[in-house]
PDB file of N, CA and C in Angstrom:
ATOM      1  N   MET A   1     106.923  80.375 142.359  1.00  0.00           N
ATOM      2  CA  MET A   1     106.899  80.824 143.742  1.00  0.00           C
ATOM      3  C   MET A   1     105.550  81.485 144.022  1.00  0.00           C
ATOM      4  N   SER A   2     104.964  81.113 145.141  1.00  0.00           N
ATOM      5  CA  SER A   2     103.642  81.616 145.483  1.00  0.00           C
ATOM      6  C   SER A   2     103.713  83.051 145.981  1.00  0.00           C
ATOM      7  N   ASN A   3     102.668  83.782 145.709  1.00  0.00           N
ATOM      8  CA  ASN A   3     102.549  85.163 146.124  1.00  0.00           C
ATOM      9  C   ASN A   3     101.771  85.263 147.428  1.00  0.00           C
ATOM     10  N   GLU A   4     101.373  84.108 148.006  1.00  0.00           N
ATOM     11  CA  GLU A   4     100.570  84.093 149.223  1.00  0.00           C
ATOM     12  C   GLU A   4     101.402  83.690 150.425  1.00  0.00           C
ATOM     13  N   ILE A   5     100.998  84.227 151.570  1.00  0.00           N
ATOM     14  CA  ILE A   5     101.617  83.883 152.838  1.00  0.00           C
ATOM     15  C   ILE A   5     100.528  83.439 153.798  1.00  0.00           C
ATOM     16  N   THR A   6     100.925  82.821 154.897  1.00  0.00           N
ATOM     17  CA  THR A   6      99.979  82.399 155.923  1.00  0.00           C
ATOM     18  C   THR A   6     100.259  83.174 157.203  1.00  0.00           C
ATOM     19  N   VAL A   7      99.202  83.727 157.783  1.00  0.00           N
ATOM     20  CA  VAL A   7      99.295  84.441 159.056  1.00  0.00           C
ATOM     21  C   VAL A   7      98.238  83.888 160.002  1.00  0.00           C
ATOM     22  N   GLN A   8      98.448  84.079 161.289  1.00  0.00           N
ATOM     23  CA  GLN A   8      97.466  83.678 162.300  1.00  0.00           C
ATOM     24  C   GLN A   8      96.645  84.907 162.662  1.00  0.00           C
ATOM     25  N   ILE A   9      95.333  84.801 162.527  1.00  0.00           N
ATOM     26  CA  ILE A   9      94.449  85.906 162.888  1.00  0.00           C
ATOM     27  C   ILE A   9      93.405  85.368 163.837  1.00  0.00           C
ATOM     28  N   ASN A  10      93.431  85.881 165.066  1.00  0.00           N
ATOM     29  CA  ASN A  10      92.532  85.424 166.119  1.00  0.00           C
ATOM     30  C   ASN A  10      92.567  83.902 166.252  1.00  0.00           C
ATOM     31  N   GLY A  11      93.791  83.345 166.174  1.00  0.00           N
ATOM     32  CA  GLY A  11      93.990  81.921 166.379  1.00  0.00           C
ATOM     33  C   GLY A  11      93.747  81.037 165.175  1.00  0.00           C
ATOM     34  N   GLU A  12      93.370  81.603 164.044  1.00  0.00           N
ATOM     35  CA  GLU A  12      93.101  80.825 162.834  1.00  0.00           C
ATOM     36  C   GLU A  12      94.118  81.153 161.752  1.00  0.00           C
ATOM     37  N   SER A  13      94.563  80.134 161.040  1.00  0.00           N
ATOM     38  CA  SER A  13      95.463  80.357 159.911  1.00  0.00           C
ATOM     39  C   SER A  13      94.674  80.938 158.752  1.00  0.00           C
ATOM     40  N   ARG A  14      95.203  82.017 158.187  1.00  0.00           N
ATOM     41  CA  ARG A  14      94.569  82.669 157.044  1.00  0.00           C
ATOM     42  C   ARG A  14      95.634  82.961 156.007  1.00  0.00           C
ATOM     43  N   SER A  15      95.241  82.947 154.755  1.00  0.00           N
ATOM     44  CA  SER A  15      96.157  83.281 153.666  1.00  0.00           C
ATOM     45  C   SER A  15      95.881  84.685 153.176  1.00  0.00           C
ATOM     46  N   CYS A  16      96.940  85.356 152.785  1.00  0.00           N
ATOM     47  CA  CYS A  16      96.799  86.663 152.150  1.00  0.00           C
ATOM     48  C   CYS A  16      97.991  86.854 151.232  1.00  0.00           C
ATOM     49  N   LEU A  17      97.935  87.886 150.418  1.00  0.00           N
ATOM     50  CA  LEU A  17      99.044  88.183 149.523  1.00  0.00           C
ATOM     51  C   LEU A  17     100.218  88.724 150.328  1.00  0.00           C
ATOM     52  N   SER A  18     101.420  88.348 149.904  1.00  0.00           N
ATOM     53  CA  SER A  18     102.597  88.934 150.542  1.00  0.00           C
ATOM     54  C   SER A  18     102.609  90.425 150.234  1.00  0.00           C
ATOM     55  N   GLU A  19     103.285  91.171 151.066  1.00  0.00           N
ATOM     56  CA  GLU A  19     103.391  92.623 150.901  1.00  0.00           C
ATOM     57  C   GLU A  19     102.064  93.346 151.161  1.00  0.00           C
ATOM     58  N   THR A  20     101.129  92.701 151.883  1.00  0.00           N
ATOM     59  CA  THR A  20      99.855  93.345 152.208  1.00  0.00           C
ATOM     60  C   THR A  20     100.040  94.223 153.438  1.00  0.00           C
ATOM     61  N   PHE A  21      99.595  95.464 153.336  1.00  0.00           N
ATOM     62  CA  PHE A  21      99.653  96.362 154.486  1.00  0.00           C
ATOM     63  C   PHE A  21      98.500  96.046 155.429  1.00  0.00           C
ATOM     64  N   LEU A  22      98.712  96.283 156.704  1.00  0.00           N
ATOM     65  CA  LEU A  22      97.733  95.922 157.729  1.00  0.00           C
ATOM     66  C   LEU A  22      96.334  96.491 157.478  1.00  0.00           C
ATOM     67  N   PRO A  23      96.168  97.783 157.161  1.00  0.00           N
ATOM     68  CA  PRO A  23      94.805  98.283 156.926  1.00  0.00           C
ATOM     69  C   PRO A  23      94.092  97.557 155.782  1.00  0.00           C
ATOM     70  N   ASP A  24      94.843  97.197 154.739  1.00  0.00           N
ATOM     71  CA  ASP A  24      94.248  96.481 153.609  1.00  0.00           C
ATOM     72  C   ASP A  24      93.804  95.086 154.037  1.00  0.00           C
ATOM     73  N   LEU A  25      94.625  94.412 154.843  1.00  0.00           N
ATOM     74  CA  LEU A  25      94.267  93.090 155.332  1.00  0.00           C
ATOM     75  C   LEU A  25      93.008  93.149 156.192  1.00  0.00           C
ATOM     76  N   LEU A  26      92.932  94.135 157.064  1.00  0.00           N
ATOM     77  CA  LEU A  26      91.752  94.267 157.920  1.00  0.00           C
ATOM     78  C   LEU A  26      90.490  94.446 157.085  1.00  0.00           C
ATOM     79  N   GLN A  27      90.578  95.263 156.048  1.00  0.00           N
ATOM     80  CA  GLN A  27      89.412  95.471 155.183  1.00  0.00           C
ATOM     81  C   GLN A  27      89.061  94.203 154.417  1.00  0.00           C
ATOM     82  N   GLN A  28      90.067  93.467 153.944  1.00  0.00           N
ATOM     83  CA  GLN A  28      89.818  92.217 153.230  1.00  0.00           C
ATOM     84  C   GLN A  28      89.104  91.209 154.117  1.00  0.00           C
ATOM     85  N   LEU A  29      89.379  91.260 155.412  1.00  0.00           N
ATOM     86  CA  LEU A  29      88.772  90.331 156.360  1.00  0.00           C
ATOM     87  C   LEU A  29      87.411  90.812 156.857  1.00  0.00           C
ATOM     88  N   GLY A  30      86.995  91.990 156.417  1.00  0.00           N
ATOM     89  CA  GLY A  30      85.678  92.497 156.780  1.00  0.00           C
ATOM     90  C   GLY A  30      85.643  93.326 158.052  1.00  0.00           C
ATOM     91  N   PHE A  31      86.814  93.706 158.568  1.00  0.00           N
ATOM     92  CA  PHE A  31      86.863  94.554 159.760  1.00  0.00           C
ATOM     93  C   PHE A  31      86.833  96.013 159.342  1.00  0.00           C
ATOM     94  N   ASN A  32      86.179  96.835 160.139  1.00  0.00           N
ATOM     95  CA  ASN A  32      86.231  98.272 159.943  1.00  0.00           C
ATOM     96  C   ASN A  32      87.463  98.754 160.713  1.00  0.00           C
ATOM     97  N   PRO A  33      88.521  99.191 160.032  1.00  0.00           N
ATOM     98  CA  PRO A  33      89.750  99.574 160.724  1.00  0.00           C
ATOM     99  C   PRO A  33      89.567 100.658 161.784  1.00  0.00           C
ATOM    100  N   ARG A  34      88.507 101.450 161.670  1.00  0.00           N
ATOM    101  CA  ARG A  34      88.266 102.498 162.667  1.00  0.00           C
ATOM    102  C   ARG A  34      87.710 101.941 163.968  1.00  0.00           C
ATOM    103  N   LEU A  35      87.242 100.679 163.928  1.00  0.00           N
ATOM    104  CA  LEU A  35      86.565 100.119 165.096  1.00  0.00           C
ATOM    105  C   LEU A  35      87.265  98.899 165.683  1.00  0.00           C
ATOM    106  N   VAL A  36      88.565  98.780 165.443  1.00  0.00           N
ATOM    107  CA  VAL A  36      89.290  97.634 165.980  1.00  0.00           C
ATOM    108  C   VAL A  36      90.591  98.077 166.645  1.00  0.00           C
ATOM    109  N   ALA A  37      91.079  97.209 167.519  1.00  0.00           N
ATOM    110  CA  ALA A  37      92.429  97.324 168.081  1.00  0.00           C
ATOM    111  C   ALA A  37      93.181  96.084 167.613  1.00  0.00           C
ATOM    112  N   VAL A  38      94.484  96.214 167.399  1.00  0.00           N
ATOM    113  CA  VAL A  38      95.268  95.113 166.852  1.00  0.00           C
ATOM    114  C   VAL A  38      96.474  94.821 167.739  1.00  0.00           C
ATOM    115  N   GLU A  39      96.593  93.540 168.104  1.00  0.00           N
ATOM    116  CA  GLU A  39      97.811  93.056 168.739  1.00  0.00           C
ATOM    117  C   GLU A  39      98.604  92.350 167.642  1.00  0.00           C
ATOM    118  N   TYR A  40      99.836  92.774 167.457  1.00  0.00           N
ATOM    119  CA  TYR A  40     100.676  92.285 166.360  1.00  0.00           C
ATOM    120  C   TYR A  40     101.890  91.596 166.967  1.00  0.00           C
ATOM    121  N   ASN A  41     101.940  90.271 166.810  1.00  0.00           N
ATOM    122  CA  ASN A  41     103.034  89.471 167.359  1.00  0.00           C
ATOM    123  C   ASN A  41     103.253  89.742 168.851  1.00  0.00           C
ATOM    124  N   GLY A  42     102.138  89.810 169.584  1.00  0.00           N
ATOM    125  CA  GLY A  42     102.198  89.924 171.036  1.00  0.00           C
ATOM    126  C   GLY A  42     102.256  91.333 171.588  1.00  0.00           C
ATOM    127  N   GLU A  43     102.267  92.334 170.735  1.00  0.00           N
ATOM    128  CA  GLU A  43     102.332  93.728 171.169  1.00  0.00           C
ATOM    129  C   GLU A  43     101.171  94.522 170.573  1.00  0.00           C
ATOM    130  N   ILE A  44     100.583  95.396 171.381  1.00  0.00           N
ATOM    131  CA  ILE A  44      99.555  96.290 170.844  1.00  0.00           C
ATOM    132  C   ILE A  44     100.231  97.205 169.827  1.00  0.00           C
ATOM    133  N   LEU A  45      99.675  97.235 168.625  1.00  0.00           N
ATOM    134  CA  LEU A  45     100.246  98.071 167.566  1.00  0.00           C
ATOM    135  C   LEU A  45      99.428  99.352 167.468  1.00  0.00           C
ATOM    136  N   HIS A  46     100.065 100.465 167.763  1.00  0.00           N
ATOM    137  CA  HIS A  46      99.372 101.750 167.713  1.00  0.00           C
ATOM    138  C   HIS A  46      98.970 102.072 166.284  1.00  0.00           C
ATOM    139  N   ARG A  47      97.811 102.643 166.156  1.00  0.00           N
ATOM    140  CA  ARG A  47      97.210 102.940 164.858  1.00  0.00           C
ATOM    141  C   ARG A  47      98.137 103.745 163.940  1.00  0.00           C
ATOM    142  N   GLN A  48      98.955 104.601 164.505  1.00  0.00           N
ATOM    143  CA  GLN A  48      99.843 105.440 163.678  1.00  0.00           C
ATOM    144  C   GLN A  48     100.844 104.606 162.875  1.00  0.00           C
ATOM    145  N   PHE A  49     101.081 103.345 163.281  1.00  0.00           N
ATOM    146  CA  PHE A  49     102.030 102.487 162.572  1.00  0.00           C
ATOM    147  C   PHE A  49     101.373 101.516 161.601  1.00  0.00           C
ATOM    148  N   TRP A  50     100.049 101.469 161.563  1.00  0.00           N
ATOM    149  CA  TRP A  50      99.359 100.498 160.721  1.00  0.00           C
ATOM    150  C   TRP A  50      99.713 100.656 159.250  1.00  0.00           C
ATOM    151  N   ALA A  51      99.690 101.874 158.745  1.00  0.00           N
ATOM    152  CA  ALA A  51      99.877 102.108 157.309  1.00  0.00           C
ATOM    153  C   ALA A  51     101.257 101.674 156.817  1.00  0.00           C
ATOM    154  N   GLU A  52     102.231 101.607 157.715  1.00  0.00           N
ATOM    155  CA  GLU A  52     103.576 101.205 157.297  1.00  0.00           C
ATOM    156  C   GLU A  52     103.888  99.748 157.656  1.00  0.00           C
ATOM    157  N   THR A  53     102.913  99.038 158.227  1.00  0.00           N
ATOM    158  CA  THR A  53     103.132  97.662 158.653  1.00  0.00           C
ATOM    159  C   THR A  53     102.660  96.684 157.585  1.00  0.00           C
ATOM    160  N   LYS A  54     103.609  95.922 157.033  1.00  0.00           N
ATOM    161  CA  LYS A  54     103.291  94.855 156.087  1.00  0.00           C
ATOM    162  C   LYS A  54     103.269  93.544 156.858  1.00  0.00           C
ATOM    163  N   VAL A  55     102.225  92.747 156.641  1.00  0.00           N
ATOM    164  CA  VAL A  55     102.179  91.449 157.305  1.00  0.00           C
ATOM    165  C   VAL A  55     103.139  90.499 156.608  1.00  0.00           C
ATOM    166  N   ARG A  56     103.749  89.639 157.406  1.00  0.00           N
ATOM    167  CA  ARG A  56     104.721  88.671 156.897  1.00  0.00           C
ATOM    168  C   ARG A  56     104.290  87.274 157.296  1.00  0.00           C
ATOM    169  N   SER A  57     104.752  86.315 156.569  1.00  0.00           N
ATOM    170  CA  SER A  57     104.415  84.921 156.849  1.00  0.00           C
ATOM    171  C   SER A  57     104.754  84.583 158.293  1.00  0.00           C
ATOM    172  N   GLY A  58     103.800  83.975 158.988  1.00  0.00           N
ATOM    173  CA  GLY A  58     104.000  83.576 160.371  1.00  0.00           C
ATOM    174  C   GLY A  58     103.610  84.623 161.396  1.00  0.00           C
ATOM    175  N   ASP A  59     103.245  85.833 160.946  1.00  0.00           N
ATOM    176  CA  ASP A  59     102.804  86.856 161.894  1.00  0.00           C
ATOM    177  C   ASP A  59     101.555  86.386 162.630  1.00  0.00           C
ATOM    178  N   ARG A  60     101.408  86.851 163.877  1.00  0.00           N
ATOM    179  CA  ARG A  60     100.235  86.536 164.686  1.00  0.00           C
ATOM    180  C   ARG A  60      99.510  87.834 165.015  1.00  0.00           C
ATOM    181  N   LEU A  61      98.243  87.891 164.630  1.00  0.00           N
ATOM    182  CA  LEU A  61      97.440  89.077 164.920  1.00  0.00           C
ATOM    183  C   LEU A  61      96.228  88.683 165.743  1.00  0.00           C
ATOM    184  N   GLU A  62      95.917  89.509 166.720  1.00  0.00           N
ATOM    185  CA  GLU A  62      94.657  89.413 167.442  1.00  0.00           C
ATOM    186  C   GLU A  62      93.927  90.712 167.153  1.00  0.00           C
ATOM    187  N   VAL A  63      92.747  90.591 166.582  1.00  0.00           N
ATOM    188  CA  VAL A  63      91.952  91.763 166.209  1.00  0.00           C
ATOM    189  C   VAL A  63      90.734  91.794 167.111  1.00  0.00           C
ATOM    190  N   VAL A  64      90.584  92.894 167.849  1.00  0.00           N
ATOM    191  CA  VAL A  64      89.481  93.043 168.788  1.00  0.00           C
ATOM    192  C   VAL A  64      88.584  94.164 168.296  1.00  0.00           C
ATOM    193  N   THR A  65      87.316  93.845 168.151  1.00  0.00           N
ATOM    194  CA  THR A  65      86.346  94.838 167.708  1.00  0.00           C
ATOM    195  C   THR A  65      85.849  95.644 168.903  1.00  0.00           C
ATOM    196  N   ILE A  66      85.801  96.951 168.736  1.00  0.00           N
ATOM    197  CA  ILE A  66      85.305  97.847 169.773  1.00  0.00           C
ATOM    198  C   ILE A  66      83.789  97.909 169.648  1.00  0.00           C
ATOM    199  N   VAL A  67      83.110  97.603 170.739  1.00  0.00           N
ATOM    200  CA  VAL A  67      81.648  97.598 170.742  1.00  0.00           C
ATOM    201  C   VAL A  67      81.163  98.632 171.733  1.00  0.00           C
ATOM    202  N   GLY A  68      80.287  99.510 171.256  1.00  0.00           N
ATOM    203  CA  GLY A  68      79.695 100.509 172.136  1.00  0.00           C
ATOM    204  C   GLY A  68      78.418  99.975 172.767  1.00  0.00           C
ATOM    205  N   GLY A  69      78.030 100.598 173.791  1.00  0.00           N
ATOM    206  CA  GLY A  69      76.792 100.172 174.440  1.00  0.00           C
ATOM    207  C   GLY A  69      76.651 100.869 175.787  1.00  0.00           C
ATOM    208  N   GLY A  70      75.588 100.513 176.431  1.00  0.00           N
ATOM    209  CA  GLY A  70      75.417 101.168 177.731  1.00  0.00           C
ATOM    210  C   GLY A  70      74.474 100.426 178.600  1.00  0.00           C
TER     211      GLY A  70
END
């Protein structure tokens, strides 16, 4: 049995280990968790819930990077 699952991230299928917590996945993908907002299965996921959120096969995430400027 495989230890990997497939999730959709910004419209692309990506593989990761099952039981991966959201902050760990974001770091694995090269995102700075302090500078992104996450939509998880169609809902904005508040940062306070990230540490307890495990991604599951078939989950859909949209990760938006916050860009400063003026």
